[in-house]
Structures are given as structure tokens and as C-alpha cells.
Amino acid sequence: MIPEKLYFRIGEVARLCRLPAYVLRFWETEFPQLRPVKSTTGQRMYRRRDVENVLQIKKLLYEDGFTIAGARSHLREETKSDKKQTALPFPGRSSADLKHIRQGLREILNILAARP
């Protein structure tokens, strides 16, 4: 749905998201996730991630019935959960396996230590 481009002007985003440009400008003041860069001529230049955020905000407000404060809070929580790291799934190792690995590492250290 979103074209493969680096930047979109506010008019393009408004057409893509079927929203008036003034709504996008207002949302910029309400949602810290929306921070389009400004060109040297002062035009707002939205990145693809910004357009995705606009679509998500629109869904939260218009379809899911969130208030602006509720949508802002929801997005903040979503961002926090995205930043949490999940543990890497290491296969269970027996103590015999670990002893074998440790012994191999010691042998490597001895070889490296013996080098001039």
C-alpha cells in the first residue's frame, strides 16, 4: 500500500492515509512518534516509518475508538515492549557437555600461550 520511497511530502501522506494535511500537522504535536524531518525549504518530509505510524494512529483513533491520550499511551507501551529483549533459546546442556567444551577451550588457550 505504501510506495517504496525514502521520503513523502505531507500531501502524499495525506492522500495515502486519506486524511487532511491539517490532521497530520495536529498529530505531530500530539504523538512524539511523528517527527517528520524538514527539507531545506521547510517542507515536511515523512519517512516510511512515519507513514506506518500515521496509519497505526488512524486505526487506533478511528477504528479502535481510542482517545488521543489513550492512543499515545498505547503506542508508548508498544514501543517499550518492542525494546525488551527476549532470551536466546539455548539448548539444554548437560554438565558433561560443558566440561567437554571447557576442556576444549583450555586446550586452545594452551596452544595460543605456547606461541612465541
PDB file of N, CA and C in Angstrom:
ATOM      1  N   MET A   1       0.814  -1.185   0.000  1.00  0.00           N
ATOM      2  CA  MET A   1       0.000   0.000   0.000  1.00  0.00           C
ATOM      3  C   MET A   1       0.867   1.261   0.000  1.00  0.00           C
ATOM      4  N   ILE A   2       1.966   1.233   0.761  1.00  0.00           N
ATOM      5  CA  ILE A   2       2.859   2.384   0.807  1.00  0.00           C
ATOM      6  C   ILE A   2       3.931   2.195  -0.261  1.00  0.00           C
ATOM      7  N   PRO A   3       4.080   3.163  -1.166  1.00  0.00           N
ATOM      8  CA  PRO A   3       5.100   3.035  -2.217  1.00  0.00           C
ATOM      9  C   PRO A   3       6.515   2.958  -1.639  1.00  0.00           C
ATOM     10  N   GLU A   4       7.409   2.344  -2.377  1.00  0.00           N
ATOM     11  CA  GLU A   4       8.807   2.220  -1.954  1.00  0.00           C
ATOM     12  C   GLU A   4       9.545   3.509  -2.282  1.00  0.00           C
ATOM     13  N   LYS A   5       9.534   4.435  -1.332  1.00  0.00           N
ATOM     14  CA  LYS A   5      10.240   5.705  -1.467  1.00  0.00           C
ATOM     15  C   LYS A   5      10.918   6.010  -0.150  1.00  0.00           C
ATOM     16  N   LEU A   6      11.946   6.855  -0.193  1.00  0.00           N
ATOM     17  CA  LEU A   6      12.601   7.249   1.048  1.00  0.00           C
ATOM     18  C   LEU A   6      11.791   8.292   1.800  1.00  0.00           C
ATOM     19  N   TYR A   7      11.273   9.279   1.076  1.00  0.00           N
ATOM     20  CA  TYR A   7      10.548  10.374   1.708  1.00  0.00           C
ATOM     21  C   TYR A   7       9.236  10.663   0.998  1.00  0.00           C
ATOM     22  N   PHE A   8       8.269  11.148   1.786  1.00  0.00           N
ATOM     23  CA  PHE A   8       6.963  11.517   1.260  1.00  0.00           C
ATOM     24  C   PHE A   8       6.645  12.929   1.744  1.00  0.00           C
ATOM     25  N   ARG A   9       6.087  13.732   0.869  1.00  0.00           N
ATOM     26  CA  ARG A   9       5.630  15.063   1.280  1.00  0.00           C
ATOM     27  C   ARG A   9       4.299  14.919   1.996  1.00  0.00           C
ATOM     28  N   ILE A  10       3.929  15.931   2.747  1.00  0.00           N
ATOM     29  CA  ILE A  10       2.714  15.858   3.558  1.00  0.00           C
ATOM     30  C   ILE A  10       1.466  15.614   2.705  1.00  0.00           C
ATOM     31  N   GLY A  11       1.433  16.185   1.501  1.00  0.00           N
ATOM     32  CA  GLY A  11       0.289  15.964   0.610  1.00  0.00           C
ATOM     33  C   GLY A  11       0.179  14.513   0.187  1.00  0.00           C
ATOM     34  N   GLU A  12       1.334  13.882  -0.071  1.00  0.00           N
ATOM     35  CA  GLU A  12       1.337  12.470  -0.445  1.00  0.00           C
ATOM     36  C   GLU A  12       0.851  11.596   0.713  1.00  0.00           C
ATOM     37  N   VAL A  13       1.313  11.914   1.911  1.00  0.00           N
ATOM     38  CA  VAL A  13       0.906  11.148   3.092  1.00  0.00           C
ATOM     39  C   VAL A  13      -0.594  11.326   3.328  1.00  0.00           C
ATOM     40  N   ALA A  14      -1.066  12.552   3.149  1.00  0.00           N
ATOM     41  CA  ALA A  14      -2.494  12.831   3.325  1.00  0.00           C
ATOM     42  C   ALA A  14      -3.321  11.990   2.344  1.00  0.00           C
ATOM     43  N   ARG A  15      -2.874  11.906   1.096  1.00  0.00           N
ATOM     44  CA  ARG A  15      -3.599  11.095   0.099  1.00  0.00           C
ATOM     45  C   ARG A  15      -3.515   9.606   0.436  1.00  0.00           C
ATOM     46  N   LEU A  16      -2.313   9.140   0.784  1.00  0.00           N
ATOM     47  CA  LEU A  16      -2.127   7.719   1.099  1.00  0.00           C
ATOM     48  C   LEU A  16      -2.990   7.282   2.288  1.00  0.00           C
ATOM     49  N   CYS A  17      -3.057   8.139   3.287  1.00  0.00           N
ATOM     50  CA  CYS A  17      -3.756   7.792   4.528  1.00  0.00           C
ATOM     51  C   CYS A  17      -5.204   8.272   4.550  1.00  0.00           C
ATOM     52  N   ARG A  18      -5.590   8.975   3.488  1.00  0.00           N
ATOM     53  CA  ARG A  18      -6.946   9.531   3.385  1.00  0.00           C
ATOM     54  C   ARG A  18      -7.283  10.394   4.601  1.00  0.00           C
ATOM     55  N   LEU A  19      -6.395  11.348   4.846  1.00  0.00           N
ATOM     56  CA  LEU A  19      -6.559  12.291   5.949  1.00  0.00           C
ATOM     57  C   LEU A  19      -6.233  13.690   5.449  1.00  0.00           C
ATOM     58  N   PRO A  20      -6.861  14.710   5.995  1.00  0.00           N
ATOM     59  CA  PRO A  20      -6.465  16.076   5.638  1.00  0.00           C
ATOM     60  C   PRO A  20      -5.077  16.392   6.213  1.00  0.00           C
ATOM     61  N   ALA A  21      -4.342  17.238   5.526  1.00  0.00           N
ATOM     62  CA  ALA A  21      -2.986  17.589   5.966  1.00  0.00           C
ATOM     63  C   ALA A  21      -2.998  18.238   7.343  1.00  0.00           C
ATOM     64  N   TYR A  22      -4.051  19.001   7.664  1.00  0.00           N
ATOM     65  CA  TYR A  22      -4.080  19.661   8.972  1.00  0.00           C
ATOM     66  C   TYR A  22      -4.159  18.653  10.107  1.00  0.00           C
ATOM     67  N   VAL A  23      -4.768  17.486   9.848  1.00  0.00           N
ATOM     68  CA  VAL A  23      -4.826  16.433  10.864  1.00  0.00           C
ATOM     69  C   VAL A  23      -3.419  15.893  11.110  1.00  0.00           C
ATOM     70  N   LEU A  24      -2.659  15.699  10.045  1.00  0.00           N
ATOM     71  CA  LEU A  24      -1.277  15.228  10.194  1.00  0.00           C
ATOM     72  C   LEU A  24      -0.446  16.227  10.990  1.00  0.00           C
ATOM     73  N   ARG A  25      -0.603  17.509  10.687  1.00  0.00           N
ATOM     74  CA  ARG A  25       0.142  18.537  11.421  1.00  0.00           C
ATOM     75  C   ARG A  25      -0.255  18.536  12.899  1.00  0.00           C
ATOM     76  N   PHE A  26      -1.542  18.358  13.181  1.00  0.00           N
ATOM     77  CA  PHE A  26      -2.009  18.299  14.561  1.00  0.00           C
ATOM     78  C   PHE A  26      -1.433  17.077  15.268  1.00  0.00           C
ATOM     79  N   TRP A  27      -1.480  15.924  14.599  1.00  0.00           N
ATOM     80  CA  TRP A  27      -0.969  14.704  15.214  1.00  0.00           C
ATOM     81  C   TRP A  27       0.513  14.819  15.540  1.00  0.00           C
ATOM     82  N   GLU A  28       1.259  15.579  14.749  1.00  0.00           N
ATOM     83  CA  GLU A  28       2.683  15.786  15.040  1.00  0.00           C
ATOM     84  C   GLU A  28       2.869  16.416  16.415  1.00  0.00           C
ATOM     85  N   THR A  29       1.922  17.261  16.827  1.00  0.00           N
ATOM     86  CA  THR A  29       2.025  17.901  18.129  1.00  0.00           C
ATOM     87  C   THR A  29       1.593  16.966  19.256  1.00  0.00           C
ATOM     88  N   GLU A  30       0.817  15.952  18.929  1.00  0.00           N
ATOM     89  CA  GLU A  30       0.260  15.053  19.940  1.00  0.00           C
ATOM     90  C   GLU A  30       1.022  13.738  20.106  1.00  0.00           C
ATOM     91  N   PHE A  31       1.711  13.301  19.078  1.00  0.00           N
ATOM     92  CA  PHE A  31       2.379  11.999  19.103  1.00  0.00           C
ATOM     93  C   PHE A  31       3.873  12.171  18.851  1.00  0.00           C
ATOM     94  N   PRO A  32       4.699  11.879  19.861  1.00  0.00           N
ATOM     95  CA  PRO A  32       6.149  12.039  19.676  1.00  0.00           C
ATOM     96  C   PRO A  32       6.728  11.109  18.607  1.00  0.00           C
ATOM     97  N   GLN A  33       5.989  10.051  18.252  1.00  0.00           N
ATOM     98  CA  GLN A  33       6.465   9.128  17.212  1.00  0.00           C
ATOM     99  C   GLN A  33       6.470   9.784  15.834  1.00  0.00           C
ATOM    100  N   LEU A  34       5.665  10.820  15.667  1.00  0.00           N
ATOM    101  CA  LEU A  34       5.588  11.513  14.371  1.00  0.00           C
ATOM    102  C   LEU A  34       6.489  12.731  14.401  1.00  0.00           C
ATOM    103  N   ARG A  35       7.643  12.592  13.834  1.00  0.00           N
ATOM    104  CA  ARG A  35       8.574  13.704  13.750  1.00  0.00           C
ATOM    105  C   ARG A  35       9.178  13.746  12.348  1.00  0.00           C
ATOM    106  N   PRO A  36       8.406  14.194  11.367  1.00  0.00           N
ATOM    107  CA  PRO A  36       8.984  14.256  10.019  1.00  0.00           C
ATOM    108  C   PRO A  36      10.107  15.282   9.989  1.00  0.00           C
ATOM    109  N   VAL A  37      11.120  14.992   9.197  1.00  0.00           N
ATOM    110  CA  VAL A  37      12.212  15.950   9.036  1.00  0.00           C
ATOM    111  C   VAL A  37      11.733  17.057   8.110  1.00  0.00           C
ATOM    112  N   LYS A  38      12.373  18.190   8.203  1.00  0.00           N
ATOM    113  CA  LYS A  38      12.007  19.292   7.308  1.00  0.00           C
ATOM    114  C   LYS A  38      13.114  19.485   6.293  1.00  0.00           C
ATOM    115  N   SER A  39      12.713  19.708   5.055  1.00  0.00           N
ATOM    116  CA  SER A  39      13.688  19.927   3.991  1.00  0.00           C
ATOM    117  C   SER A  39      14.273  21.330   4.140  1.00  0.00           C
ATOM    118  N   THR A  40      15.223  21.652   3.292  1.00  0.00           N
ATOM    119  CA  THR A  40      15.836  22.983   3.340  1.00  0.00           C
ATOM    120  C   THR A  40      14.820  24.070   3.030  1.00  0.00           C
ATOM    121  N   THR A  41      13.756  23.693   2.329  1.00  0.00           N
ATOM    122  CA  THR A  41      12.700  24.670   2.013  1.00  0.00           C
ATOM    123  C   THR A  41      11.610  24.685   3.086  1.00  0.00           C
ATOM    124  N   GLY A  42      11.791  23.879   4.137  1.00  0.00           N
ATOM    125  CA  GLY A  42      10.835  23.873   5.230  1.00  0.00           C
ATOM    126  C   GLY A  42       9.667  22.918   5.050  1.00  0.00           C
ATOM    127  N   GLN A  43       9.697  22.114   3.990  1.00  0.00           N
ATOM    128  CA  GLN A  43       8.610  21.153   3.775  1.00  0.00           C
ATOM    129  C   GLN A  43       8.791  19.919   4.637  1.00  0.00           C
ATOM    130  N   ARG A  44       7.691  19.409   5.163  1.00  0.00           N
ATOM    131  CA  ARG A  44       7.741  18.184   5.958  1.00  0.00           C
ATOM    132  C   ARG A  44       8.016  17.007   5.037  1.00  0.00           C
ATOM    133  N   MET A  45       8.988  16.196   5.453  1.00  0.00           N
ATOM    134  CA  MET A  45       9.342  15.011   4.686  1.00  0.00           C
ATOM    135  C   MET A  45       9.182  13.799   5.600  1.00  0.00           C
ATOM    136  N   TYR A  46       8.145  13.016   5.321  1.00  0.00           N
ATOM    137  CA  TYR A  46       7.844  11.834   6.122  1.00  0.00           C
ATOM    138  C   TYR A  46       8.626  10.642   5.591  1.00  0.00           C
ATOM    139  N   ARG A  47       9.186   9.849   6.494  1.00  0.00           N
ATOM    140  CA  ARG A  47       9.822   8.586   6.112  1.00  0.00           C
ATOM    141  C   ARG A  47       8.755   7.495   6.107  1.00  0.00           C
ATOM    142  N   ARG A  48       9.116   6.350   5.577  1.00  0.00           N
ATOM    143  CA  ARG A  48       8.175   5.231   5.518  1.00  0.00           C
ATOM    144  C   ARG A  48       7.654   4.885   6.917  1.00  0.00           C
ATOM    145  N   ARG A  49       8.541   4.883   7.913  1.00  0.00           N
ATOM    146  CA  ARG A  49       8.138   4.559   9.283  1.00  0.00           C
ATOM    147  C   ARG A  49       7.115   5.576   9.794  1.00  0.00           C
ATOM    148  N   ASP A  50       7.277   6.849   9.409  1.00  0.00           N
ATOM    149  CA  ASP A  50       6.309   7.875   9.805  1.00  0.00           C
ATOM    150  C   ASP A  50       4.934   7.581   9.210  1.00  0.00           C
ATOM    151  N   VAL A  51       4.917   7.168   7.948  1.00  0.00           N
ATOM    152  CA  VAL A  51       3.642   6.852   7.284  1.00  0.00           C
ATOM    153  C   VAL A  51       2.991   5.650   7.969  1.00  0.00           C
ATOM    154  N   GLU A  52       3.802   4.655   8.324  1.00  0.00           N
ATOM    155  CA  GLU A  52       3.260   3.490   9.038  1.00  0.00           C
ATOM    156  C   GLU A  52       2.677   3.914  10.383  1.00  0.00           C
ATOM    157  N   ASN A  53       3.366   4.844  11.064  1.00  0.00           N
ATOM    158  CA  ASN A  53       2.854   5.351  12.342  1.00  0.00           C
ATOM    159  C   ASN A  53       1.539   6.096  12.153  1.00  0.00           C
ATOM    160  N   VAL A  54       1.437   6.891  11.099  1.00  0.00           N
ATOM    161  CA  VAL A  54       0.187   7.617  10.822  1.00  0.00           C
ATOM    162  C   VAL A  54      -0.948   6.627  10.624  1.00  0.00           C
ATOM    163  N   LEU A  55      -0.709   5.578   9.863  1.00  0.00           N
ATOM    164  CA  LEU A  55      -1.749   4.571   9.636  1.00  0.00           C
ATOM    165  C   LEU A  55      -2.141   3.865  10.931  1.00  0.00           C
ATOM    166  N   GLN A  56      -1.154   3.606  11.779  1.00  0.00           N
ATOM    167  CA  GLN A  56      -1.452   2.953  13.058  1.00  0.00           C
ATOM    168  C   GLN A  56      -2.259   3.892  13.963  1.00  0.00           C
ATOM    169  N   ILE A  57      -1.869   5.157  14.004  1.00  0.00           N
ATOM    170  CA  ILE A  57      -2.601   6.133  14.814  1.00  0.00           C
ATOM    171  C   ILE A  57      -4.032   6.271  14.305  1.00  0.00           C
ATOM    172  N   LYS A  58      -4.190   6.318  13.001  1.00  0.00           N
ATOM    173  CA  LYS A  58      -5.521   6.434  12.412  1.00  0.00           C
ATOM    174  C   LYS A  58      -6.391   5.240  12.822  1.00  0.00           C
ATOM    175  N   LYS A  59      -5.806   4.052  12.767  1.00  0.00           N
ATOM    176  CA  LYS A  59      -6.553   2.852  13.157  1.00  0.00           C
ATOM    177  C   LYS A  59      -6.956   2.920  14.627  1.00  0.00           C
ATOM    178  N   LEU A  60      -6.002   3.300  15.484  1.00  0.00           N
ATOM    179  CA  LEU A  60      -6.306   3.376  16.921  1.00  0.00           C
ATOM    180  C   LEU A  60      -7.433   4.369  17.198  1.00  0.00           C
ATOM    181  N   LEU A  61      -7.380   5.525  16.544  1.00  0.00           N
ATOM    182  CA  LEU A  61      -8.364   6.570  16.811  1.00  0.00           C
ATOM    183  C   LEU A  61      -9.705   6.304  16.141  1.00  0.00           C
ATOM    184  N   TYR A  62      -9.678   5.956  14.866  1.00  0.00           N
ATOM    185  CA  TYR A  62     -10.917   5.870  14.095  1.00  0.00           C
ATOM    186  C   TYR A  62     -11.593   4.501  14.143  1.00  0.00           C
ATOM    187  N   GLU A  63     -10.786   3.429  14.232  1.00  0.00           N
ATOM    188  CA  GLU A  63     -11.381   2.091  14.220  1.00  0.00           C
ATOM    189  C   GLU A  63     -11.501   1.493  15.624  1.00  0.00           C
ATOM    190  N   ASP A  64     -10.447   1.659  16.432  1.00  0.00           N
ATOM    191  CA  ASP A  64     -10.429   1.033  17.753  1.00  0.00           C
ATOM    192  C   ASP A  64     -11.060   1.911  18.833  1.00  0.00           C
ATOM    193  N   GLY A  65     -11.348   3.158  18.505  1.00  0.00           N
ATOM    194  CA  GLY A  65     -12.054   4.030  19.439  1.00  0.00           C
ATOM    195  C   GLY A  65     -11.217   4.623  20.561  1.00  0.00           C
ATOM    196  N   PHE A  66      -9.894   4.648  20.397  1.00  0.00           N
ATOM    197  CA  PHE A  66      -9.034   5.240  21.409  1.00  0.00           C
ATOM    198  C   PHE A  66      -9.179   6.760  21.401  1.00  0.00           C
ATOM    199  N   THR A  67      -8.970   7.375  22.565  1.00  0.00           N
ATOM    200  CA  THR A  67      -8.822   8.830  22.611  1.00  0.00           C
ATOM    201  C   THR A  67      -7.388   9.132  22.202  1.00  0.00           C
ATOM    202  N   ILE A  68      -7.081  10.395  21.991  1.00  0.00           N
ATOM    203  CA  ILE A  68      -5.704  10.758  21.628  1.00  0.00           C
ATOM    204  C   ILE A  68      -4.755  10.359  22.754  1.00  0.00           C
ATOM    205  N   ALA A  69      -5.127  10.665  23.995  1.00  0.00           N
ATOM    206  CA  ALA A  69      -4.284  10.295  25.139  1.00  0.00           C
ATOM    207  C   ALA A  69      -4.132   8.772  25.232  1.00  0.00           C
ATOM    208  N   GLY A  70      -5.214   8.046  24.994  1.00  0.00           N
ATOM    209  CA  GLY A  70      -5.162   6.588  25.044  1.00  0.00           C
ATOM    210  C   GLY A  70      -4.286   6.006  23.947  1.00  0.00           C
ATOM    211  N   ALA A  71      -4.393   6.569  22.743  1.00  0.00           N
ATOM    212  CA  ALA A  71      -3.570   6.100  21.624  1.00  0.00           C
ATOM    213  C   ALA A  71      -2.096   6.390  21.898  1.00  0.00           C
ATOM    214  N   ARG A  72      -1.822   7.583  22.438  1.00  0.00           N
ATOM    215  CA  ARG A  72      -0.441   7.958  22.759  1.00  0.00           C
ATOM    216  C   ARG A  72       0.129   6.976  23.779  1.00  0.00           C
ATOM    217  N   SER A  73      -0.650   6.674  24.788  1.00  0.00           N
ATOM    218  CA  SER A  73      -0.246   5.742  25.840  1.00  0.00           C
ATOM    219  C   SER A  73      -0.028   4.333  25.265  1.00  0.00           C
ATOM    220  N   HIS A  74      -0.936   3.899  24.409  1.00  0.00           N
ATOM    221  CA  HIS A  74      -0.833   2.580  23.777  1.00  0.00           C
ATOM    222  C   HIS A  74       0.454   2.481  22.950  1.00  0.00           C
ATOM    223  N   LEU A  75       0.748   3.506  22.175  1.00  0.00           N
ATOM    224  CA  LEU A  75       1.956   3.499  21.346  1.00  0.00           C
ATOM    225  C   LEU A  75       3.216   3.506  22.210  1.00  0.00           C
ATOM    226  N   ARG A  76       3.173   4.234  23.324  1.00  0.00           N
ATOM    227  CA  ARG A  76       4.323   4.283  24.232  1.00  0.00           C
ATOM    228  C   ARG A  76       4.588   2.901  24.818  1.00  0.00           C
ATOM    229  N   GLU A  77       3.529   2.228  25.248  1.00  0.00           N
ATOM    230  CA  GLU A  77       3.677   0.880  25.802  1.00  0.00           C
ATOM    231  C   GLU A  77       4.171  -0.104  24.747  1.00  0.00           C
ATOM    232  N   GLU A  78       3.667   0.052  23.541  1.00  0.00           N
ATOM    233  CA  GLU A  78       4.084  -0.824  22.441  1.00  0.00           C
ATOM    234  C   GLU A  78       5.570  -0.646  22.160  1.00  0.00           C
ATOM    235  N   THR A  79       6.041   0.590  22.201  1.00  0.00           N
ATOM    236  CA  THR A  79       7.450   0.885  21.972  1.00  0.00           C
ATOM    237  C   THR A  79       8.306   0.270  23.074  1.00  0.00           C
ATOM    238  N   LYS A  80       7.838   0.348  24.315  1.00  0.00           N
ATOM    239  CA  LYS A  80       8.573  -0.244  25.429  1.00  0.00           C
ATOM    240  C   LYS A  80       8.694  -1.749  25.259  1.00  0.00           C
ATOM    241  N   SER A  81       7.605  -2.401  24.876  1.00  0.00           N
ATOM    242  CA  SER A  81       7.648  -3.854  24.738  1.00  0.00           C
ATOM    243  C   SER A  81       8.512  -4.272  23.551  1.00  0.00           C
ATOM    244  N   ASP A  82       8.607  -3.422  22.515  1.00  0.00           N
ATOM    245  CA  ASP A  82       9.483  -3.722  21.381  1.00  0.00           C
ATOM    246  C   ASP A  82      10.947  -3.672  21.789  1.00  0.00           C
ATOM    247  N   LYS A  83      11.265  -2.821  22.775  1.00  0.00           N
ATOM    248  CA  LYS A  83      12.657  -2.645  23.188  1.00  0.00           C
ATOM    249  C   LYS A  83      13.125  -3.740  24.137  1.00  0.00           C
ATOM    250  N   LYS A  84      12.186  -4.445  24.765  1.00  0.00           N
ATOM    251  CA  LYS A  84      12.579  -5.512  25.674  1.00  0.00           C
ATOM    252  C   LYS A  84      13.191  -6.652  24.881  1.00  0.00           C
ATOM    253  N   GLN A  85      14.290  -7.175  25.391  1.00  0.00           N
ATOM    254  CA  GLN A  85      14.967  -8.259  24.709  1.00  0.00           C
ATOM    255  C   GLN A  85      14.429  -9.592  25.177  1.00  0.00           C
ATOM    256  N   THR A  86      14.275 -10.493  24.251  1.00  0.00           N
ATOM    257  CA  THR A  86      13.867 -11.833  24.631  1.00  0.00           C
ATOM    258  C   THR A  86      15.115 -12.691  24.794  1.00  0.00           C
ATOM    259  N   ALA A  87      15.041 -13.642  25.683  1.00  0.00           N
ATOM    260  CA  ALA A  87      16.181 -14.515  25.930  1.00  0.00           C
ATOM    261  C   ALA A  87      16.431 -15.397  24.717  1.00  0.00           C
ATOM    262  N   LEU A  88      17.707 -15.636  24.449  1.00  0.00           N
ATOM    263  CA  LEU A  88      18.059 -16.520  23.346  1.00  0.00           C
ATOM    264  C   LEU A  88      17.787 -17.964  23.752  1.00  0.00           C
ATOM    265  N   PRO A  89      17.219 -18.732  22.856  1.00  0.00           N
ATOM    266  CA  PRO A  89      16.882 -20.118  23.203  1.00  0.00           C
ATOM    267  C   PRO A  89      18.097 -21.039  23.079  1.00  0.00           C
ATOM    268  N   PHE A  90      18.835 -21.211  24.166  1.00  0.00           N
ATOM    269  CA  PHE A  90      19.973 -22.123  24.149  1.00  0.00           C
ATOM    270  C   PHE A  90      19.486 -23.523  24.484  1.00  0.00           C
ATOM    271  N   PRO A  91      19.953 -24.497  23.737  1.00  0.00           N
ATOM    272  CA  PRO A  91      19.540 -25.865  24.058  1.00  0.00           C
ATOM    273  C   PRO A  91      20.130 -26.269  25.403  1.00  0.00           C
ATOM    274  N   GLY A  92      19.416 -27.117  26.102  1.00  0.00           N
ATOM    275  CA  GLY A  92      19.885 -27.578  27.412  1.00  0.00           C
ATOM    276  C   GLY A  92      21.191 -28.343  27.270  1.00  0.00           C
ATOM    277  N   ARG A  93      22.137 -28.018  28.108  1.00  0.00           N
ATOM    278  CA  ARG A  93      23.442 -28.692  28.062  1.00  0.00           C
ATOM    279  C   ARG A  93      23.635 -29.451  29.366  1.00  0.00           C
ATOM    280  N   SER A  94      24.178 -30.627  29.244  1.00  0.00           N
ATOM    281  CA  SER A  94      24.493 -31.384  30.448  1.00  0.00           C
ATOM    282  C   SER A  94      25.830 -30.906  30.992  1.00  0.00           C
ATOM    283  N   SER A  95      26.122 -31.226  32.228  1.00  0.00           N
ATOM    284  CA  SER A  95      27.395 -30.798  32.815  1.00  0.00           C
ATOM    285  C   SER A  95      28.560 -31.471  32.088  1.00  0.00           C
ATOM    286  N   ALA A  96      28.342 -32.693  31.548  1.00  0.00           N
ATOM    287  CA  ALA A  96      29.402 -33.379  30.798  1.00  0.00           C
ATOM    288  C   ALA A  96      29.728 -32.595  29.526  1.00  0.00           C
ATOM    289  N   ASP A  97      28.680 -32.059  28.862  1.00  0.00           N
ATOM    290  CA  ASP A  97      28.906 -31.252  27.659  1.00  0.00           C
ATOM    291  C   ASP A  97      29.714 -30.003  27.999  1.00  0.00           C
ATOM    292  N   LEU A  98      29.342 -29.352  29.098  1.00  0.00           N
ATOM    293  CA  LEU A  98      30.038 -28.134  29.497  1.00  0.00           C
ATOM    294  C   LEU A  98      31.493 -28.417  29.864  1.00  0.00           C
ATOM    295  N   LYS A  99      31.737 -29.538  30.546  1.00  0.00           N
ATOM    296  CA  LYS A  99      33.117 -29.921  30.883  1.00  0.00           C
ATOM    297  C   LYS A  99      33.936 -30.162  29.625  1.00  0.00           C
ATOM    298  N   HIS A 100      33.304 -30.794  28.641  1.00  0.00           N
ATOM    299  CA  HIS A 100      33.988 -31.069  27.376  1.00  0.00           C
ATOM    300  C   HIS A 100      34.318 -29.756  26.651  1.00  0.00           C
ATOM    301  N   ILE A 101      33.387 -28.828  26.638  1.00  0.00           N
ATOM    302  CA  ILE A 101      33.606 -27.525  25.993  1.00  0.00           C
ATOM    303  C   ILE A 101      34.710 -26.770  26.723  1.00  0.00           C
ATOM    304  N   ARG A 102      34.644 -26.770  28.061  1.00  0.00           N
ATOM    305  CA  ARG A 102      35.665 -26.088  28.868  1.00  0.00           C
ATOM    306  C   ARG A 102      37.053 -26.658  28.584  1.00  0.00           C
ATOM    307  N   GLN A 103      37.148 -27.975  28.493  1.00  0.00           N
ATOM    308  CA  GLN A 103      38.427 -28.634  28.227  1.00  0.00           C
ATOM    309  C   GLN A 103      38.956 -28.222  26.851  1.00  0.00           C
ATOM    310  N   GLY A 104      38.048 -28.157  25.869  1.00  0.00           N
ATOM    311  CA  GLY A 104      38.469 -27.734  24.536  1.00  0.00           C
ATOM    312  C   GLY A 104      38.987 -26.303  24.525  1.00  0.00           C
ATOM    313  N   LEU A 105      38.333 -25.437  25.280  1.00  0.00           N
ATOM    314  CA  LEU A 105      38.782 -24.046  25.366  1.00  0.00           C
ATOM    315  C   LEU A 105      40.143 -23.941  26.061  1.00  0.00           C
ATOM    316  N   ARG A 106      40.354 -24.747  27.096  1.00  0.00           N
ATOM    317  CA  ARG A 106      41.655 -24.750  27.783  1.00  0.00           C
ATOM    318  C   ARG A 106      42.762 -25.187  26.833  1.00  0.00           C
ATOM    319  N   GLU A 107      42.461 -26.188  26.011  1.00  0.00           N
ATOM    320  CA  GLU A 107      43.453 -26.659  25.039  1.00  0.00           C
ATOM    321  C   GLU A 107      43.800 -25.556  24.040  1.00  0.00           C
ATOM    322  N   ILE A 108      42.795 -24.829  23.604  1.00  0.00           N
ATOM    323  CA  ILE A 108      43.039 -23.713  22.678  1.00  0.00           C
ATOM    324  C   ILE A 108      43.907 -22.661  23.355  1.00  0.00           C
ATOM    325  N   LEU A 109      43.607 -22.342  24.616  1.00  0.00           N
ATOM    326  CA  LEU A 109      44.415 -21.367  25.364  1.00  0.00           C
ATOM    327  C   LEU A 109      45.862 -21.822  25.495  1.00  0.00           C
ATOM    328  N   ASN A 110      46.072 -23.101  25.774  1.00  0.00           N
ATOM    329  CA  ASN A 110      47.438 -23.631  25.892  1.00  0.00           C
ATOM    330  C   ASN A 110      48.190 -23.512  24.583  1.00  0.00           C
ATOM    331  N   ILE A 111      47.500 -23.787  23.482  1.00  0.00           N
ATOM    332  CA  ILE A 111      48.129 -23.679  22.159  1.00  0.00           C
ATOM    333  C   ILE A 111      48.518 -22.231  21.891  1.00  0.00           C
ATOM    334  N   LEU A 112      47.600 -21.318  22.185  1.00  0.00           N
ATOM    335  CA  LEU A 112      47.870 -19.889  21.956  1.00  0.00           C
ATOM    336  C   LEU A 112      48.978 -19.376  22.876  1.00  0.00           C
ATOM    337  N   ALA A 113      49.008 -19.846  24.120  1.00  0.00           N
ATOM    338  CA  ALA A 113      50.026 -19.414  25.073  1.00  0.00           C
ATOM    339  C   ALA A 113      51.411 -19.926  24.677  1.00  0.00           C
ATOM    340  N   ALA A 114      51.473 -21.085  24.021  1.00  0.00           N
ATOM    341  CA  ALA A 114      52.754 -21.666  23.609  1.00  0.00           C
ATOM    342  C   ALA A 114      53.362 -20.954  22.406  1.00  0.00           C
ATOM    343  N   ARG A 115      52.585 -20.171  21.702  1.00  0.00           N
ATOM    344  CA  ARG A 115      53.117 -19.446  20.531  1.00  0.00           C
ATOM    345  C   ARG A 115      54.077 -18.364  20.982  1.00  0.00           C
ATOM    346  N   PRO A 116      55.163 -18.146  20.181  1.00  0.00           N
ATOM    347  CA  PRO A 116      56.134 -17.090  20.540  1.00  0.00           C
ATOM    348  C   PRO A 116      55.587 -15.699  20.312  1.00  0.00           C
TER     349      PRO A 116
END
